[in-house]
Each structure stands twice: as C-alpha cells, then as structure tokens.
Amino acid sequence: MIDKSVHKSAVDTAWFINTMNRWFDLMSSRTPAMALSKLHHEKFDEAKEFLMQVIDLFTNILIGMDRWKPVQTGIILATTSILQLAEELIEDGMDFLMTARLTQDCLENLFSTIRLKTATPYAIEFRNSLKIVTVRQFLKTPNNSSYQLDESTYLGSYLEKAPDTRR
C-alpha cells in the first residue's frame, strides 16, 4: 500500500516542477509565439496572471529552515521586472517581448566563442578576439540568407590562425 504522504509529496513536487518549467519558458522565450505579446490578448493576460502567481508563490514559500533565501528575491525581482518591462514596451507600440534577449545566454555564447582559441585569455588577447568575432559576424553570409555565395574569399578567413610553416 502506498503511503498517502509520499503520494502527496510526489504530486506537490510534480506541480512545482511544471510551474517552474512554465516560468522558465516565459522568462526565456526565443520566438514570437512564446513571447509576451498583446497580439493574443487572452494568452498575454494568462501569462501575466501566471507570472503574478509565481511572484506570490515565492513570496510565501518556505524553503529549508523557514528562512528567506536569495533565490526568492531573484525570482521575484526578475519576474516583476519582466512584467513591468513588457507592459511598458507593449504600451509604447512593441508587438512582443522575447525575454531570452534579456538573459546572459548571448554573453555566455560570446565568451565561449572567444575561449575556443584561448581557455583563459589575457586582457589583450580577449580584446583582440572580441574584435575578430565582432567583425567576422558581418563577413559571413548566413545559411538562411537570400544572397547567393560567390567564389570570393571572406576577409574573416584571413583572421583565422594560419598554420605554422616555420621549421
């Protein structure tokens, strides 16, 4: 026979995981379909109501030894900021807010690209790599572009480290 307290604990855990999954999806939306948008008023109001419930949840939740934890402050602050920013931007005429543009993912991607060449670059190496990465972005035609590739060599190819032929 299954202990009812274990079953309730499992149901509560599943509910919390589902709640946090939906919160994360809304807080890191990468497409207009998932973005906070007034193009679909009912979805926007539903998302807004859900995010307000998450704020309420983390305001009242007891974690560990019933003490306030930094994660509570972080989630409340981030969620409140996103809601206020979405309201303001949408009132000012924006169609939607893709919240992933506000995360540090793009910065982490940049750092990992720079660290491909040198795992722990010195400041001068970092600056030079940053210049190369920045310029190279604009010198390569994206795969989904309507432009046809010609036979020319991209300037970005010259910026790659040439093989050492000295011996």
N, C-alpha and C. Protein backbone atom coordinates (compact mmCIF):
# COMPACT_ATOMS: atom_id res chain seq x y z
N MET A 1 0.84 -1.18 0.00
CA MET A 1 0.00 0.00 0.00
C MET A 1 0.89 1.25 0.00
N ILE A 2 0.51 2.23 -0.79
CA ILE A 2 1.29 3.46 -0.93
C ILE A 2 0.91 4.43 0.18
N ASP A 3 1.93 4.97 0.81
CA ASP A 3 1.74 5.98 1.86
C ASP A 3 1.21 7.26 1.22
N LYS A 4 0.08 7.78 1.74
CA LYS A 4 -0.54 8.97 1.16
C LYS A 4 0.35 10.20 1.25
N SER A 5 1.18 10.30 2.27
CA SER A 5 2.06 11.46 2.40
C SER A 5 3.13 11.45 1.31
N VAL A 6 3.60 10.24 0.94
CA VAL A 6 4.58 10.12 -0.15
C VAL A 6 3.93 10.53 -1.47
N HIS A 7 2.69 10.08 -1.68
CA HIS A 7 1.96 10.41 -2.90
C HIS A 7 1.73 11.92 -2.99
N LYS A 8 1.30 12.55 -1.89
CA LYS A 8 1.08 14.00 -1.89
C LYS A 8 2.38 14.74 -2.16
N SER A 9 3.47 14.27 -1.58
CA SER A 9 4.77 14.89 -1.79
C SER A 9 5.17 14.80 -3.27
N ALA A 10 4.92 13.66 -3.89
CA ALA A 10 5.25 13.48 -5.30
C ALA A 10 4.38 14.39 -6.18
N VAL A 11 3.12 14.50 -5.86
CA VAL A 11 2.22 15.37 -6.63
C VAL A 11 2.64 16.83 -6.47
N ASP A 12 2.98 17.23 -5.24
CA ASP A 12 3.43 18.60 -5.00
C ASP A 12 4.73 18.90 -5.76
N THR A 13 5.65 17.94 -5.76
CA THR A 13 6.92 18.11 -6.47
C THR A 13 6.68 18.23 -7.97
N ALA A 14 5.80 17.40 -8.51
CA ALA A 14 5.48 17.45 -9.94
C ALA A 14 4.85 18.80 -10.30
N TRP A 15 3.93 19.28 -9.44
CA TRP A 15 3.31 20.58 -9.68
C TRP A 15 4.36 21.69 -9.69
N PHE A 16 5.29 21.66 -8.71
CA PHE A 16 6.32 22.69 -8.63
C PHE A 16 7.22 22.66 -9.86
N ILE A 17 7.61 21.46 -10.29
CA ILE A 17 8.47 21.33 -11.47
C ILE A 17 7.75 21.86 -12.71
N ASN A 18 6.48 21.54 -12.87
CA ASN A 18 5.71 22.06 -14.01
C ASN A 18 5.58 23.58 -13.95
N THR A 19 5.38 24.11 -12.75
CA THR A 19 5.28 25.56 -12.58
C THR A 19 6.59 26.23 -12.97
N MET A 20 7.69 25.70 -12.47
CA MET A 20 8.99 26.30 -12.77
C MET A 20 9.35 26.14 -14.26
N ASN A 21 8.94 25.06 -14.87
CA ASN A 21 9.18 24.86 -16.30
C ASN A 21 8.43 25.92 -17.11
N ARG A 22 7.18 26.16 -16.77
CA ARG A 22 6.42 27.19 -17.49
C ARG A 22 7.01 28.57 -17.24
N TRP A 23 7.40 28.83 -15.99
CA TRP A 23 8.03 30.12 -15.66
C TRP A 23 9.29 30.32 -16.49
N PHE A 24 10.13 29.29 -16.55
CA PHE A 24 11.37 29.39 -17.32
C PHE A 24 11.08 29.62 -18.80
N ASP A 25 10.09 28.93 -19.35
CA ASP A 25 9.73 29.12 -20.76
C ASP A 25 9.30 30.57 -21.02
N LEU A 26 8.51 31.13 -20.13
CA LEU A 26 8.06 32.52 -20.31
C LEU A 26 9.21 33.51 -20.11
N MET A 27 10.11 33.20 -19.18
CA MET A 27 11.20 34.11 -18.87
C MET A 27 12.35 34.01 -19.87
N SER A 28 12.32 33.02 -20.74
CA SER A 28 13.40 32.87 -21.73
C SER A 28 12.83 32.55 -23.11
N SER A 29 11.76 33.24 -23.48
CA SER A 29 11.12 33.00 -24.78
C SER A 29 12.02 33.47 -25.91
N ARG A 30 12.15 32.63 -26.93
CA ARG A 30 13.02 32.93 -28.07
C ARG A 30 12.26 33.14 -29.38
N THR A 31 10.97 32.94 -29.35
CA THR A 31 10.18 33.11 -30.57
C THR A 31 8.98 34.00 -30.27
N PRO A 32 8.47 34.67 -31.28
CA PRO A 32 7.27 35.50 -31.07
C PRO A 32 6.08 34.69 -30.55
N ALA A 33 6.00 33.41 -30.91
CA ALA A 33 4.88 32.58 -30.45
C ALA A 33 4.89 32.40 -28.93
N MET A 34 6.08 32.32 -28.34
CA MET A 34 6.20 32.14 -26.88
C MET A 34 6.37 33.47 -26.15
N ALA A 35 6.63 34.54 -26.88
CA ALA A 35 6.93 35.83 -26.27
C ALA A 35 5.70 36.43 -25.59
N LEU A 36 5.95 37.34 -24.67
CA LEU A 36 4.87 38.10 -24.07
C LEU A 36 4.38 39.08 -25.12
N SER A 37 3.11 38.96 -25.49
CA SER A 37 2.61 39.73 -26.62
C SER A 37 1.13 40.06 -26.44
N LYS A 38 0.76 41.24 -26.87
CA LYS A 38 -0.66 41.61 -26.84
C LYS A 38 -1.35 41.28 -28.16
N LEU A 39 -0.63 40.61 -29.07
CA LEU A 39 -1.26 40.18 -30.32
C LEU A 39 -2.35 39.17 -30.02
N HIS A 40 -2.17 38.42 -28.94
CA HIS A 40 -3.17 37.47 -28.46
C HIS A 40 -3.47 37.86 -27.01
N HIS A 41 -4.46 38.73 -26.83
CA HIS A 41 -4.74 39.31 -25.51
C HIS A 41 -4.96 38.27 -24.43
N GLU A 42 -5.71 37.21 -24.77
CA GLU A 42 -6.02 36.22 -23.74
C GLU A 42 -4.76 35.46 -23.29
N LYS A 43 -3.85 35.17 -24.23
CA LYS A 43 -2.59 34.49 -23.86
C LYS A 43 -1.70 35.42 -23.04
N PHE A 44 -1.68 36.70 -23.38
CA PHE A 44 -0.88 37.66 -22.63
C PHE A 44 -1.42 37.79 -21.21
N ASP A 45 -2.74 37.90 -21.07
CA ASP A 45 -3.34 38.03 -19.74
C ASP A 45 -3.11 36.76 -18.93
N GLU A 46 -3.19 35.61 -19.58
CA GLU A 46 -2.95 34.33 -18.90
C GLU A 46 -1.50 34.23 -18.44
N ALA A 47 -0.56 34.62 -19.29
CA ALA A 47 0.86 34.60 -18.93
C ALA A 47 1.14 35.58 -17.80
N LYS A 48 0.54 36.75 -17.88
CA LYS A 48 0.73 37.77 -16.84
C LYS A 48 0.19 37.27 -15.50
N GLU A 49 -0.98 36.67 -15.52
CA GLU A 49 -1.58 36.12 -14.30
C GLU A 49 -0.71 35.01 -13.73
N PHE A 50 -0.19 34.15 -14.59
CA PHE A 50 0.69 33.07 -14.14
C PHE A 50 1.94 33.63 -13.48
N LEU A 51 2.56 34.63 -14.11
CA LEU A 51 3.78 35.21 -13.54
C LEU A 51 3.49 35.90 -12.21
N MET A 52 2.33 36.49 -12.06
CA MET A 52 1.94 37.08 -10.77
C MET A 52 1.78 35.99 -9.71
N GLN A 53 1.26 34.82 -10.11
CA GLN A 53 1.14 33.70 -9.18
C GLN A 53 2.51 33.19 -8.74
N VAL A 54 3.48 33.21 -9.67
CA VAL A 54 4.85 32.79 -9.31
C VAL A 54 5.44 33.76 -8.30
N ILE A 55 5.20 35.05 -8.50
CA ILE A 55 5.68 36.05 -7.53
C ILE A 55 5.06 35.77 -6.16
N ASP A 56 3.76 35.50 -6.15
CA ASP A 56 3.07 35.20 -4.89
C ASP A 56 3.62 33.91 -4.27
N LEU A 57 3.86 32.90 -5.10
CA LEU A 57 4.40 31.64 -4.60
C LEU A 57 5.74 31.86 -3.91
N PHE A 58 6.65 32.59 -4.55
CA PHE A 58 7.98 32.78 -3.99
C PHE A 58 8.00 33.82 -2.86
N THR A 59 6.96 34.60 -2.74
CA THR A 59 6.84 35.50 -1.60
C THR A 59 6.46 34.70 -0.35
N ASN A 60 5.66 33.66 -0.53
CA ASN A 60 5.12 32.92 0.61
C ASN A 60 5.75 31.55 0.85
N ILE A 61 6.59 31.08 -0.03
CA ILE A 61 7.14 29.73 0.10
C ILE A 61 8.13 29.66 1.27
N LEU A 62 8.17 28.52 1.92
CA LEU A 62 9.14 28.28 2.99
C LEU A 62 10.16 27.29 2.46
N ILE A 63 11.41 27.71 2.42
CA ILE A 63 12.48 26.87 1.89
C ILE A 63 13.44 26.52 3.02
N GLY A 64 13.78 25.26 3.12
CA GLY A 64 14.76 24.85 4.12
C GLY A 64 14.28 25.09 5.54
N MET A 65 15.05 25.84 6.29
CA MET A 65 14.76 26.10 7.71
C MET A 65 13.83 27.30 7.87
N ASP A 66 12.89 27.46 6.97
CA ASP A 66 11.91 28.53 7.03
C ASP A 66 12.54 29.92 7.05
N ARG A 67 13.64 30.06 6.31
CA ARG A 67 14.30 31.35 6.21
C ARG A 67 14.21 31.84 4.78
N TRP A 68 14.23 33.15 4.61
CA TRP A 68 14.20 33.75 3.27
C TRP A 68 15.49 33.40 2.55
N LYS A 69 15.38 32.94 1.31
CA LYS A 69 16.55 32.54 0.52
C LYS A 69 16.75 33.52 -0.63
N PRO A 70 18.00 33.69 -1.06
CA PRO A 70 18.28 34.59 -2.19
C PRO A 70 17.53 34.22 -3.46
N VAL A 71 17.25 32.93 -3.67
CA VAL A 71 16.53 32.53 -4.88
C VAL A 71 15.15 33.17 -4.91
N GLN A 72 14.55 33.36 -3.74
CA GLN A 72 13.23 34.00 -3.69
C GLN A 72 13.32 35.45 -4.18
N THR A 73 14.30 36.15 -3.69
CA THR A 73 14.49 37.54 -4.12
C THR A 73 14.75 37.59 -5.61
N GLY A 74 15.60 36.69 -6.12
CA GLY A 74 15.94 36.68 -7.54
C GLY A 74 14.75 36.44 -8.43
N ILE A 75 13.95 35.44 -8.09
CA ILE A 75 12.79 35.12 -8.93
C ILE A 75 11.74 36.23 -8.87
N ILE A 76 11.51 36.76 -7.70
CA ILE A 76 10.53 37.85 -7.57
C ILE A 76 11.00 39.08 -8.33
N LEU A 77 12.26 39.45 -8.18
CA LEU A 77 12.80 40.63 -8.87
C LEU A 77 12.79 40.45 -10.38
N ALA A 78 13.25 39.30 -10.86
CA ALA A 78 13.30 39.04 -12.31
C ALA A 78 11.90 39.04 -12.91
N THR A 79 10.97 38.38 -12.24
CA THR A 79 9.60 38.27 -12.77
C THR A 79 8.91 39.62 -12.77
N THR A 80 9.06 40.36 -11.68
CA THR A 80 8.47 41.70 -11.60
C THR A 80 9.04 42.61 -12.69
N SER A 81 10.34 42.53 -12.89
CA SER A 81 10.99 43.36 -13.91
C SER A 81 10.48 43.03 -15.30
N ILE A 82 10.36 41.75 -15.61
CA ILE A 82 9.87 41.33 -16.93
C ILE A 82 8.44 41.81 -17.14
N LEU A 83 7.60 41.66 -16.13
CA LEU A 83 6.21 42.10 -16.26
C LEU A 83 6.12 43.61 -16.51
N GLN A 84 6.87 44.39 -15.74
CA GLN A 84 6.84 45.84 -15.90
C GLN A 84 7.42 46.26 -17.25
N LEU A 85 8.50 45.62 -17.65
CA LEU A 85 9.12 45.94 -18.94
C LEU A 85 8.19 45.59 -20.09
N ALA A 86 7.56 44.43 -20.01
CA ALA A 86 6.63 44.01 -21.07
C ALA A 86 5.47 45.00 -21.18
N GLU A 87 4.91 45.37 -20.05
CA GLU A 87 3.80 46.34 -20.06
C GLU A 87 4.23 47.64 -20.72
N GLU A 88 5.37 48.15 -20.30
CA GLU A 88 5.83 49.44 -20.82
C GLU A 88 6.15 49.37 -22.31
N LEU A 89 6.87 48.35 -22.73
CA LEU A 89 7.24 48.24 -24.14
C LEU A 89 6.03 48.01 -25.03
N ILE A 90 5.12 47.18 -24.58
CA ILE A 90 3.92 46.90 -25.39
C ILE A 90 3.02 48.13 -25.46
N GLU A 91 2.93 48.88 -24.36
CA GLU A 91 2.17 50.15 -24.39
C GLU A 91 2.80 51.15 -25.34
N ASP A 92 4.13 51.11 -25.48
CA ASP A 92 4.84 52.02 -26.37
C ASP A 92 4.83 51.56 -27.84
N GLY A 93 4.11 50.47 -28.14
CA GLY A 93 3.94 50.06 -29.52
C GLY A 93 4.68 48.82 -29.97
N MET A 94 5.46 48.21 -29.09
CA MET A 94 6.13 46.96 -29.48
C MET A 94 5.09 45.85 -29.59
N ASP A 95 5.30 44.94 -30.52
CA ASP A 95 4.35 43.84 -30.70
C ASP A 95 4.53 42.75 -29.65
N PHE A 96 5.78 42.51 -29.25
CA PHE A 96 6.04 41.44 -28.29
C PHE A 96 7.39 41.66 -27.64
N LEU A 97 7.63 40.89 -26.57
CA LEU A 97 8.91 40.92 -25.87
C LEU A 97 9.44 39.50 -25.78
N MET A 98 10.53 39.25 -26.49
CA MET A 98 11.19 37.95 -26.39
C MET A 98 12.17 38.04 -25.22
N THR A 99 11.79 37.45 -24.12
CA THR A 99 12.53 37.63 -22.88
C THR A 99 13.92 37.01 -22.90
N ALA A 100 14.20 36.09 -23.80
CA ALA A 100 15.54 35.50 -23.88
C ALA A 100 16.57 36.55 -24.25
N ARG A 101 16.13 37.63 -24.90
CA ARG A 101 17.06 38.70 -25.26
C ARG A 101 17.57 39.45 -24.04
N LEU A 102 16.95 39.20 -22.90
CA LEU A 102 17.34 39.89 -21.67
C LEU A 102 18.21 39.01 -20.76
N THR A 103 18.48 37.79 -21.19
CA THR A 103 19.30 36.89 -20.37
C THR A 103 20.77 37.04 -20.74
N GLN A 104 21.61 36.31 -20.03
CA GLN A 104 23.04 36.37 -20.29
C GLN A 104 23.48 35.29 -21.27
N ASP A 105 22.56 34.56 -21.88
CA ASP A 105 22.93 33.50 -22.80
C ASP A 105 23.80 34.01 -23.94
N CYS A 106 23.43 35.14 -24.52
CA CYS A 106 24.21 35.66 -25.65
C CYS A 106 25.62 36.04 -25.19
N LEU A 107 25.73 36.55 -24.00
CA LEU A 107 27.05 36.90 -23.46
C LEU A 107 27.88 35.64 -23.20
N GLU A 108 27.24 34.61 -22.65
CA GLU A 108 27.94 33.34 -22.42
C GLU A 108 28.39 32.72 -23.74
N ASN A 109 27.55 32.82 -24.77
CA ASN A 109 27.93 32.30 -26.09
C ASN A 109 29.15 33.05 -26.63
N LEU A 110 29.15 34.35 -26.45
CA LEU A 110 30.29 35.15 -26.90
C LEU A 110 31.56 34.73 -26.16
N PHE A 111 31.47 34.60 -24.85
CA PHE A 111 32.65 34.20 -24.07
C PHE A 111 33.15 32.82 -24.49
N SER A 112 32.23 31.90 -24.73
CA SER A 112 32.67 30.55 -25.13
C SER A 112 33.33 30.59 -26.50
N THR A 113 32.85 31.44 -27.39
CA THR A 113 33.48 31.59 -28.70
C THR A 113 34.90 32.15 -28.56
N ILE A 114 35.06 33.12 -27.72
CA ILE A 114 36.38 33.72 -27.50
C ILE A 114 37.32 32.71 -26.84
N ARG A 115 36.78 31.91 -25.93
CA ARG A 115 37.62 30.94 -25.21
C ARG A 115 37.97 29.71 -26.04
N LEU A 116 37.38 29.58 -27.22
CA LEU A 116 37.75 28.46 -28.09
C LEU A 116 39.22 28.53 -28.45
N LYS A 117 39.70 29.74 -28.66
CA LYS A 117 41.09 29.93 -29.06
C LYS A 117 42.03 29.84 -27.87
N THR A 118 41.69 30.51 -26.78
CA THR A 118 42.49 30.50 -25.56
C THR A 118 41.55 30.34 -24.37
N ALA A 119 41.75 29.29 -23.60
CA ALA A 119 40.82 29.00 -22.49
C ALA A 119 40.74 30.13 -21.48
N THR A 120 41.86 30.71 -21.11
CA THR A 120 41.88 31.84 -20.18
C THR A 120 42.72 32.96 -20.77
N PRO A 121 42.11 33.75 -21.65
CA PRO A 121 42.88 34.78 -22.34
C PRO A 121 43.26 35.94 -21.42
N TYR A 122 44.42 36.53 -21.72
CA TYR A 122 44.80 37.78 -21.07
C TYR A 122 43.93 38.88 -21.66
N ALA A 123 43.91 40.03 -21.02
CA ALA A 123 43.05 41.14 -21.45
C ALA A 123 43.28 41.51 -22.90
N ILE A 124 44.53 41.59 -23.32
CA ILE A 124 44.84 41.97 -24.71
C ILE A 124 44.36 40.89 -25.68
N GLU A 125 44.50 39.61 -25.29
CA GLU A 125 44.03 38.51 -26.14
C GLU A 125 42.50 38.55 -26.24
N PHE A 126 41.86 38.83 -25.12
CA PHE A 126 40.40 38.92 -25.12
C PHE A 126 39.92 40.04 -26.03
N ARG A 127 40.56 41.21 -25.90
CA ARG A 127 40.17 42.35 -26.74
C ARG A 127 40.33 42.03 -28.22
N ASN A 128 41.48 41.45 -28.59
CA ASN A 128 41.72 41.12 -29.99
C ASN A 128 40.73 40.06 -30.49
N SER A 129 40.46 39.05 -29.68
CA SER A 129 39.49 38.01 -30.07
C SER A 129 38.10 38.60 -30.21
N LEU A 130 37.75 39.52 -29.32
CA LEU A 130 36.44 40.16 -29.39
C LEU A 130 36.30 40.94 -30.70
N LYS A 131 37.34 41.63 -31.09
CA LYS A 131 37.32 42.36 -32.36
C LYS A 131 37.12 41.40 -33.53
N ILE A 132 37.85 40.30 -33.50
CA ILE A 132 37.75 39.33 -34.59
C ILE A 132 36.35 38.73 -34.67
N VAL A 133 35.81 38.33 -33.53
CA VAL A 133 34.47 37.73 -33.51
C VAL A 133 33.44 38.74 -33.99
N THR A 134 33.56 39.98 -33.56
CA THR A 134 32.61 41.02 -33.95
C THR A 134 32.64 41.27 -35.45
N VAL A 135 33.82 41.43 -36.00
CA VAL A 135 33.96 41.69 -37.43
C VAL A 135 33.51 40.48 -38.24
N ARG A 136 33.87 39.29 -37.78
CA ARG A 136 33.55 38.08 -38.53
C ARG A 136 32.04 37.85 -38.65
N GLN A 137 31.28 38.29 -37.66
CA GLN A 137 29.83 38.15 -37.72
C GLN A 137 29.26 38.77 -38.98
N PHE A 138 29.84 39.87 -39.40
CA PHE A 138 29.30 40.63 -40.53
C PHE A 138 29.94 40.24 -41.86
N LEU A 139 30.89 39.33 -41.83
CA LEU A 139 31.58 38.96 -43.05
C LEU A 139 31.16 37.62 -43.60
N LYS A 140 30.33 36.92 -42.89
CA LYS A 140 29.88 35.60 -43.34
C LYS A 140 28.39 35.66 -43.66
N THR A 141 28.01 35.14 -44.81
CA THR A 141 26.61 35.13 -45.21
C THR A 141 25.88 34.03 -44.46
N PRO A 142 24.78 34.37 -43.79
CA PRO A 142 24.01 33.34 -43.06
C PRO A 142 23.44 32.30 -44.02
N ASN A 143 23.24 31.08 -43.52
CA ASN A 143 22.70 30.00 -44.34
C ASN A 143 21.30 30.28 -44.84
N ASN A 144 20.51 31.01 -44.06
CA ASN A 144 19.13 31.28 -44.45
C ASN A 144 18.98 32.59 -45.21
N SER A 145 20.06 33.09 -45.74
CA SER A 145 20.06 34.36 -46.47
C SER A 145 19.56 34.15 -47.90
N SER A 146 19.05 35.21 -48.49
CA SER A 146 18.60 35.13 -49.88
C SER A 146 19.73 35.46 -50.86
N TYR A 147 20.92 35.77 -50.33
CA TYR A 147 22.06 36.07 -51.18
C TYR A 147 22.75 34.79 -51.62
N GLN A 148 23.24 34.80 -52.85
CA GLN A 148 23.99 33.65 -53.35
C GLN A 148 25.46 33.85 -53.02
N LEU A 149 26.11 32.77 -52.68
CA LEU A 149 27.53 32.84 -52.39
C LEU A 149 28.31 32.91 -53.69
N ASP A 150 29.31 33.74 -53.72
CA ASP A 150 30.17 33.80 -54.90
C ASP A 150 31.47 33.05 -54.58
N GLU A 151 32.41 33.10 -55.45
CA GLU A 151 33.65 32.35 -55.27
C GLU A 151 34.72 33.12 -54.51
N SER A 152 34.38 34.29 -54.00
CA SER A 152 35.39 35.10 -53.32
C SER A 152 35.70 34.54 -51.94
N THR A 153 36.84 34.93 -51.42
CA THR A 153 37.26 34.53 -50.08
C THR A 153 36.80 35.60 -49.11
N TYR A 154 36.26 35.18 -48.00
CA TYR A 154 35.82 36.13 -47.00
C TYR A 154 37.00 36.64 -46.21
N LEU A 155 36.95 37.93 -45.88
CA LEU A 155 38.01 38.52 -45.09
C LEU A 155 38.17 37.79 -43.76
N GLY A 156 37.07 37.28 -43.20
CA GLY A 156 37.12 36.56 -41.95
C GLY A 156 38.03 35.36 -42.00
N SER A 157 38.18 34.76 -43.16
CA SER A 157 39.06 33.60 -43.30
C SER A 157 40.51 33.99 -43.07
N TYR A 158 40.85 35.22 -43.38
CA TYR A 158 42.22 35.69 -43.18
C TYR A 158 42.53 35.89 -41.70
N LEU A 159 41.49 36.03 -40.91
CA LEU A 159 41.68 36.29 -39.49
C LEU A 159 41.93 35.01 -38.70
N GLU A 160 41.70 33.87 -39.30
CA GLU A 160 41.96 32.61 -38.60
C GLU A 160 43.45 32.42 -38.44
N LYS A 161 43.81 31.68 -37.44
CA LYS A 161 45.21 31.44 -37.16
C LYS A 161 45.79 30.57 -38.28
N ALA A 162 46.81 31.07 -38.95
CA ALA A 162 47.43 30.34 -40.05
C ALA A 162 48.30 29.22 -39.47
N PRO A 163 48.40 28.12 -40.18
CA PRO A 163 49.26 27.03 -39.68
C PRO A 163 50.73 27.50 -39.67
N ASP A 164 51.45 27.05 -38.68
CA ASP A 164 52.85 27.43 -38.54
C ASP A 164 53.69 26.66 -39.57
N THR A 165 54.24 27.37 -40.53
CA THR A 165 55.04 26.72 -41.60
C THR A 165 56.53 26.87 -41.36
N ARG A 166 56.88 27.57 -40.27
CA ARG A 166 58.32 27.74 -39.96
C ARG A 166 58.87 26.47 -39.37
N ARG A 167 59.95 25.98 -39.88
CA ARG A 167 60.62 24.81 -39.30
C ARG A 167 62.06 24.83 -39.59
